[in-house]
């Protein structure tokens, strides 16, 4: 049994139990002494044959046990695992995160991937009762965290993203946008938004068309966050077989990756969202949430959450009431049998 007490501070009431026990014993002894002063025990039994000297002590013991049961209820004993529906009201947010090798470019510090990860963490800090999910993409797309209100689980999935998460090189943002439509848990319009974090490189995946489809068929806006230098760009560091740091080469030349702001802007416009041109700077993700996401129509949704240790204080209260009822039935006298004539 996985027993736990939620309010151990209520154990202070045990001083009241000790005080009551002392009063019961003292009162019983005083009563006994007064009776013994009135008459000796054999004579007292003849004068008051229906009186019992132990029953007052029994009644006091029952009252004391009832108080102990009440204190046990106050410390709130809990055990057992009970699943219960938990209701939230908010917006469903799917974050599409670019994990391609170009996100390792160091035209922003420490690199595009880490900068984008920090932006998404800032967004999660601003969420208030909303659900969030994560899709990673490179040459393929995969849901790495389904929609959830467990922000800690989402952060773990976000922190685990690397260029090896998807397992296939390339950059197919359109595939990720189409997968986002499937990642939402219902077809009810509104209360849904997609956030695309990328440097805008796309290898013919028809990202703009995919974004327009989300808007026209599902009423889902897409907001885009463009990371990287659009003018000079940055080199992509790699490690060779000896573990030495080098830069990605193609046809004997170093590859320079640049932010494609035009694609990021067109994706956002096609889906009725907005483009956040971060470039090599910073983004105020809390403001994005407050201005564009939080005002959206919210919907109440249900999640099943396991609540550990079901409260059991009711049992303690029932025991206390039963003991008090029993105490009221116990008189001061003792049962005697009439002798036959």
Protein backbone atom coordinates (compact mmCIF):
# COMPACT_ATOMS: atom_id res chain seq x y z
CA UNK A 1 0.00 0.00 0.00
CA UNK A 2 1.46 3.33 -1.07
CA UNK A 3 0.33 5.30 1.99
CA UNK A 4 1.00 8.99 2.35
CA UNK A 5 -0.19 11.71 4.74
CA UNK A 6 -0.76 15.10 3.11
CA UNK A 7 -1.09 17.25 6.27
CA UNK A 8 1.28 15.97 8.91
CA UNK A 9 1.07 19.32 10.68
CA UNK A 10 -2.32 18.17 11.97
CA UNK A 11 -0.44 15.77 14.27
CA UNK A 12 -0.20 18.75 16.63
CA UNK A 13 -3.77 17.85 17.63
CA UNK A 14 -2.33 14.80 19.40
CA UNK A 15 -1.66 17.18 22.29
CA UNK A 16 -5.44 17.49 22.59
CA UNK A 17 -5.68 13.68 22.64
CA UNK A 18 -3.11 13.50 25.43
CA UNK A 19 -4.91 16.22 27.37
CA UNK A 20 -8.27 14.45 27.02
CA UNK A 21 -6.74 11.15 28.12
CA UNK A 22 -5.31 12.85 31.22
CA UNK A 23 -8.67 14.45 32.07
CA UNK A 24 -10.50 11.13 31.68
CA UNK A 25 -8.12 9.29 33.99
CA UNK A 26 -8.07 12.11 36.58
CA UNK A 27 -11.87 12.39 36.59
CA UNK A 28 -12.27 8.63 36.95
CA UNK A 29 -9.86 8.51 39.90
CA UNK A 30 -11.55 11.42 41.65
CA UNK A 31 -14.95 9.83 41.19
CA UNK A 32 -13.65 6.56 42.56
CA UNK A 33 -12.13 8.28 45.61
CA UNK A 34 -15.35 10.13 46.37
CA UNK A 35 -17.33 6.91 46.25
CA UNK A 36 -14.81 5.14 48.49
CA UNK A 37 -15.11 7.96 51.02
CA UNK A 38 -18.88 7.54 51.02
CA UNK A 39 -18.79 3.80 51.62
CA UNK A 40 -16.51 0.80 51.47
CA UNK A 41 -16.54 -1.24 48.29
CA UNK A 42 -18.67 -4.18 49.63
CA UNK A 43 -21.21 -1.80 51.14
CA UNK A 44 -21.24 0.39 48.01
CA UNK A 45 -22.08 -2.62 45.85
CA UNK A 46 -25.13 -3.26 48.04
CA UNK A 47 -26.23 0.38 48.15
CA UNK A 48 -25.85 0.94 44.36
CA UNK A 49 -25.86 -2.47 42.72
CA UNK A 50 -26.44 -1.02 39.22
CA UNK A 51 -23.47 1.34 39.32
CA UNK A 52 -20.27 0.33 37.48
CA UNK A 53 -16.92 1.87 38.32
CA UNK A 54 -15.36 0.88 34.98
CA UNK A 55 -18.04 2.09 32.58
CA UNK A 56 -17.14 5.80 32.87
CA UNK A 57 -13.60 4.78 31.92
CA UNK A 58 -14.94 2.80 28.94
CA UNK A 59 -16.99 5.81 27.79
CA UNK A 60 -13.97 8.05 28.10
CA UNK A 61 -11.89 5.56 26.12
CA UNK A 62 -14.44 5.53 23.30
CA UNK A 63 -14.47 9.35 23.18
CA UNK A 64 -10.68 9.33 23.16
CA UNK A 65 -10.59 6.82 20.29
CA UNK A 66 -13.05 8.98 18.34
CA UNK A 67 -10.76 11.99 18.76
CA UNK A 68 -7.79 9.93 17.54
CA UNK A 69 -9.80 8.93 14.47
CA UNK A 70 -10.62 12.59 13.77
CA UNK A 71 -6.93 13.51 14.01
CA UNK A 72 -6.16 10.69 11.58
CA UNK A 73 -8.67 12.25 9.19
CA UNK A 74 -7.09 15.69 9.58
CA UNK A 75 -3.67 14.43 8.46
CA UNK A 76 -5.42 13.31 5.25
CA UNK A 77 -4.29 9.71 4.64
CA UNK A 78 -4.11 8.79 0.93
CA UNK A 79 -3.37 5.66 -1.05
CA UNK A 80 -4.27 4.09 -4.37
CA UNK A 81 -4.00 5.30 -7.98
CA UNK A 82 -7.22 6.74 -9.36
CA UNK A 83 -7.49 8.12 -12.95
CA UNK A 84 -9.68 11.19 -13.19
CA UNK A 85 -10.56 13.53 -16.07
CA UNK A 86 -8.84 16.91 -15.87
CA UNK A 87 -10.27 19.78 -17.92
CA UNK A 88 -8.25 22.57 -19.47
CA UNK A 89 -9.21 25.58 -21.52
CA UNK A 90 -6.74 26.88 -24.06
CA UNK A 91 -5.21 26.77 -27.53
CA UNK A 92 -3.50 23.81 -29.20
CA UNK A 93 -0.02 24.79 -30.42
CA UNK A 94 2.05 22.58 -32.72
CA UNK A 95 5.71 23.63 -32.93
CA UNK A 96 7.47 22.54 -36.13
CA UNK A 97 11.22 22.61 -35.55
CA UNK A 98 13.86 22.44 -38.27
CA UNK A 99 16.51 19.86 -37.35
CA UNK A 100 18.41 19.87 -40.64
CA UNK A 101 22.20 20.28 -40.64
CA UNK A 102 21.88 23.87 -41.81
CA UNK A 103 20.50 24.69 -38.34
CA UNK A 104 24.02 24.06 -37.00
CA UNK A 105 25.28 27.15 -38.82
CA UNK A 106 26.94 29.57 -36.44
CA UNK A 107 25.83 32.89 -37.91
CA UNK A 108 23.96 33.22 -34.59
CA UNK A 109 25.43 32.16 -31.27
CA UNK A 110 25.85 29.41 -30.37
CA UNK A 111 24.05 28.18 -33.52
CA UNK A 112 20.64 28.37 -35.17
CA UNK A 113 19.37 25.18 -33.55
CA UNK A 114 20.21 26.28 -30.01
CA UNK A 115 18.87 29.77 -30.60
CA UNK A 116 15.59 28.37 -31.92
CA UNK A 117 15.37 25.97 -28.99
CA UNK A 118 15.70 28.90 -26.59
CA UNK A 119 12.91 30.76 -28.41
CA UNK A 120 10.55 27.81 -28.04
CA UNK A 121 11.40 27.50 -24.33
CA UNK A 122 10.42 31.16 -23.97
CA UNK A 123 7.11 30.42 -25.68
CA UNK A 124 6.37 27.54 -23.32
CA UNK A 125 7.05 29.84 -20.37
CA UNK A 126 4.23 32.06 -21.63
CA UNK A 127 1.66 29.29 -22.15
CA UNK A 128 -1.30 29.31 -19.79
CA UNK A 129 -3.36 26.12 -19.84
CA UNK A 130 -2.65 25.49 -23.53
CA UNK A 131 -1.53 22.22 -25.04
CA UNK A 132 1.66 22.03 -27.06
CA UNK A 133 3.13 19.42 -29.39
CA UNK A 134 6.41 19.07 -31.28
CA UNK A 135 7.24 17.99 -34.84
CA UNK A 136 10.87 17.66 -35.95
CA UNK A 137 11.82 17.69 -39.60
CA UNK A 138 14.79 17.46 -41.91
CA UNK A 139 14.56 15.07 -44.89
CA UNK A 140 11.49 13.62 -43.19
CA UNK A 141 9.07 14.71 -40.47
CA UNK A 142 8.13 13.03 -37.20
CA UNK A 143 5.99 13.84 -34.16
CA UNK A 144 8.44 13.81 -31.26
CA UNK A 145 5.93 15.01 -28.65
CA UNK A 146 2.15 14.65 -29.11
CA UNK A 147 -0.12 17.43 -27.91
CA UNK A 148 0.12 17.67 -24.15
CA UNK A 149 -0.29 20.05 -21.25
CA UNK A 150 2.72 18.42 -19.57
CA UNK A 151 5.23 21.14 -20.33
CA UNK A 152 8.08 19.25 -18.64
CA UNK A 153 7.63 16.35 -21.07
CA UNK A 154 7.55 18.77 -24.00
CA UNK A 155 10.77 20.44 -22.84
CA UNK A 156 12.50 17.05 -22.64
CA UNK A 157 11.54 16.31 -26.23
CA UNK A 158 12.65 19.79 -27.32
CA UNK A 159 16.03 19.49 -25.61
CA UNK A 160 16.63 16.12 -27.28
CA UNK A 161 16.40 17.51 -30.83
CA UNK A 162 19.52 17.09 -32.97
CA UNK A 163 20.16 16.70 -36.72
CA UNK A 164 20.03 12.94 -36.06
CA UNK A 165 16.50 13.05 -34.59
CA UNK A 166 14.78 12.42 -37.91
CA UNK A 167 17.49 10.26 -39.43
CA UNK A 168 17.36 11.54 -42.98
CA UNK A 169 19.18 14.54 -44.40
CA UNK A 170 17.41 17.31 -46.27
CA UNK A 171 14.86 19.98 -45.45
CA UNK A 172 11.20 19.28 -46.20
CA UNK A 173 9.16 21.87 -44.36
CA UNK A 174 6.09 21.07 -46.44
CA UNK A 175 6.02 17.49 -45.17
CA UNK A 176 6.12 18.79 -41.59
CA UNK A 177 3.25 21.21 -42.25
CA UNK A 178 1.11 18.42 -43.70
CA UNK A 179 1.93 16.23 -40.69
CA UNK A 180 0.90 19.07 -38.39
CA UNK A 181 -2.65 18.83 -39.70
CA UNK A 182 -2.73 15.21 -38.51
CA UNK A 183 -1.17 15.98 -35.13
CA UNK A 184 -4.19 17.86 -33.81
CA UNK A 185 -6.54 15.66 -31.81
CA UNK A 186 -9.84 16.87 -33.29
CA UNK A 187 -11.30 18.51 -36.38
CA UNK A 188 -13.02 21.37 -34.56
CA UNK A 189 -11.99 24.66 -36.21
CA UNK A 190 -10.25 27.47 -34.35
CA UNK A 191 -8.20 27.13 -31.14
CA UNK A 192 -5.30 25.72 -33.21
CA UNK A 193 -2.03 27.30 -34.32
CA UNK A 194 1.23 26.13 -35.92
CA UNK A 195 4.62 27.69 -35.20
CA UNK A 196 7.40 26.97 -37.72
CA UNK A 197 10.98 27.55 -36.48
CA UNK A 198 13.44 27.29 -39.37
CA UNK A 199 16.07 28.99 -41.51
CA UNK A 200 13.77 28.72 -44.49
CA UNK A 201 15.70 26.16 -46.52
CA UNK A 202 13.29 23.91 -48.38
CA UNK A 203 14.03 21.20 -50.93
CA UNK A 204 10.93 21.27 -53.09
CA UNK A 205 8.35 20.16 -50.49
CA UNK A 206 5.72 22.75 -51.50
CA UNK A 207 5.70 24.36 -48.07
CA UNK A 208 3.63 27.36 -49.17
CA UNK A 209 0.91 25.13 -50.62
CA UNK A 210 0.88 23.00 -47.46
CA UNK A 211 0.46 26.11 -45.31
CA UNK A 212 -2.37 27.39 -47.50
CA UNK A 213 -4.15 24.03 -47.18
CA UNK A 214 -3.97 24.22 -43.39
CA UNK A 215 -5.65 27.61 -43.49
CA UNK A 216 -8.32 26.83 -46.09
CA UNK A 217 -9.30 23.34 -44.95
CA UNK A 218 -8.63 23.48 -41.19
CA UNK A 219 -8.64 27.22 -40.34
CA UNK A 220 -5.17 26.82 -38.83
CA UNK A 221 -2.82 29.83 -39.00
CA UNK A 222 0.93 29.35 -39.29
CA UNK A 223 3.41 31.68 -37.62
CA UNK A 224 7.02 31.45 -38.79
CA UNK A 225 10.24 32.33 -36.98
CA UNK A 226 13.19 32.81 -39.33
CA UNK A 227 16.64 32.27 -37.82
CA UNK A 228 19.96 33.03 -39.52
CA UNK A 229 21.83 35.62 -41.57
CA UNK A 230 20.03 36.34 -44.85
CA UNK A 231 23.01 38.18 -46.39
CA UNK A 232 26.27 36.46 -45.61
CA UNK A 233 24.97 33.30 -43.99
CA UNK A 234 27.08 30.88 -42.04
CA UNK A 235 29.18 27.76 -42.45
CA UNK A 236 27.94 24.40 -41.19
CA UNK A 237 30.39 22.67 -38.81
CA UNK A 238 30.79 18.89 -39.05
CA UNK A 239 33.17 16.33 -37.59
CA UNK A 240 35.23 13.99 -39.74
CA UNK A 241 36.01 10.38 -38.94
CA UNK A 242 38.87 11.43 -36.69
CA UNK A 243 36.60 13.68 -34.68
CA UNK A 244 38.17 16.84 -36.00
CA UNK A 245 35.99 19.87 -36.59
CA UNK A 246 35.56 20.86 -40.21
CA UNK A 247 32.94 22.59 -42.35
CA UNK A 248 30.46 20.98 -44.72
CA UNK A 249 31.80 20.81 -48.28
CA UNK A 250 30.04 20.43 -51.63
CA UNK A 251 31.90 20.05 -54.92
CA UNK A 252 35.12 21.00 -53.16
CA UNK A 253 33.76 24.24 -51.71
CA UNK A 254 32.56 25.19 -48.23
CA UNK A 255 28.77 25.36 -48.01
CA UNK A 256 27.34 28.66 -46.81
CA UNK A 257 23.77 28.50 -45.54
CA UNK A 258 21.57 31.59 -45.58
CA UNK A 259 18.19 32.41 -44.10
CA UNK A 260 15.46 32.48 -46.74
CA UNK A 261 13.13 35.19 -45.41
CA UNK A 262 10.98 35.20 -48.57
CA UNK A 263 9.90 31.57 -48.08
CA UNK A 264 9.22 32.06 -44.36
CA UNK A 265 7.16 35.16 -45.09
CA UNK A 266 5.19 33.50 -47.88
CA UNK A 267 4.39 30.46 -45.70
CA UNK A 268 3.02 32.71 -42.96
CA UNK A 269 0.99 34.84 -45.37
CA UNK A 270 -0.47 31.79 -47.12
CA UNK A 271 -1.73 30.48 -43.79
CA UNK A 272 -3.01 33.75 -42.36
CA UNK A 273 -0.29 33.97 -39.75
CA UNK A 274 2.68 36.26 -39.33
CA UNK A 275 6.42 36.14 -40.01
CA UNK A 276 8.80 36.96 -37.14
CA UNK A 277 12.08 38.00 -38.82
CA UNK A 278 14.50 37.13 -36.04
CA UNK A 279 17.54 36.83 -38.31
CA UNK A 280 20.59 37.06 -36.06
CA UNK A 281 18.74 38.92 -33.32
CA UNK A 282 16.25 37.89 -30.66
CA UNK A 283 12.51 37.27 -30.55
CA UNK A 284 9.98 38.22 -27.89
CA UNK A 285 8.03 34.96 -27.82
CA UNK A 286 5.97 36.07 -24.82
CA UNK A 287 4.70 39.01 -26.84
CA UNK A 288 3.89 36.74 -29.78
CA UNK A 289 1.79 34.62 -27.43
CA UNK A 290 0.08 37.59 -25.77
CA UNK A 291 -0.69 39.42 -29.04
CA UNK A 292 -1.48 36.63 -31.47
CA UNK A 293 -2.06 33.26 -29.77
CA UNK A 294 -3.65 33.97 -26.39
CA UNK A 295 -6.52 36.07 -27.86
CA UNK A 296 -7.56 33.16 -30.11
CA UNK A 297 -10.78 31.32 -29.37
CA UNK A 298 -10.13 28.81 -26.61
CA UNK A 299 -11.77 25.45 -26.20
CA UNK A 300 -12.24 23.26 -23.16
CA UNK A 301 -10.63 19.87 -23.59
CA UNK A 302 -10.26 16.86 -21.37
CA UNK A 303 -7.15 14.93 -20.50
CA UNK A 304 -6.82 11.83 -18.34
CA UNK A 305 -4.38 12.39 -15.52
CA UNK A 306 -3.50 9.83 -12.88
CA UNK A 307 -3.94 11.28 -9.42
CA UNK A 308 -1.93 9.25 -6.96
CA UNK A 309 -3.11 8.40 -3.49
CA UNK A 310 -6.87 8.86 -3.34
CA UNK A 311 -8.00 10.74 -0.17
CA UNK A 312 -9.35 8.35 2.49
CA UNK A 313 -10.16 10.75 5.34
CA UNK A 314 -13.86 9.82 5.03
CA UNK A 315 -13.13 6.46 6.60
CA UNK A 316 -11.59 8.14 9.64
CA UNK A 317 -14.61 10.41 10.06
CA UNK A 318 -16.99 7.44 9.78
CA UNK A 319 -15.04 5.55 12.45
CA UNK A 320 -15.11 8.59 14.73
CA UNK A 321 -18.89 8.98 14.34
CA UNK A 322 -19.39 5.28 15.02
CA UNK A 323 -17.32 5.46 18.20
CA UNK A 324 -19.27 8.51 19.42
CA UNK A 325 -22.56 6.73 18.80
CA UNK A 326 -21.29 3.72 20.72
CA UNK A 327 -20.14 5.97 23.56
CA UNK A 328 -23.60 7.49 23.86
CA UNK A 329 -25.12 4.00 24.24
CA UNK A 330 -22.83 3.04 27.09
CA UNK A 331 -24.44 4.01 30.42
CA UNK A 332 -22.91 4.35 33.87
CA UNK A 333 -24.68 1.29 35.20
CA UNK A 334 -24.01 -2.41 34.86
CA UNK A 335 -26.32 -5.14 33.75
CA UNK A 336 -27.79 -7.23 36.57
CA UNK A 337 -29.95 -10.29 36.47
CA UNK A 338 -33.05 -10.55 38.63
CA UNK A 339 -33.01 -13.50 40.97
CA UNK A 340 -35.87 -15.88 40.71
CA UNK A 341 -38.28 -15.70 43.62
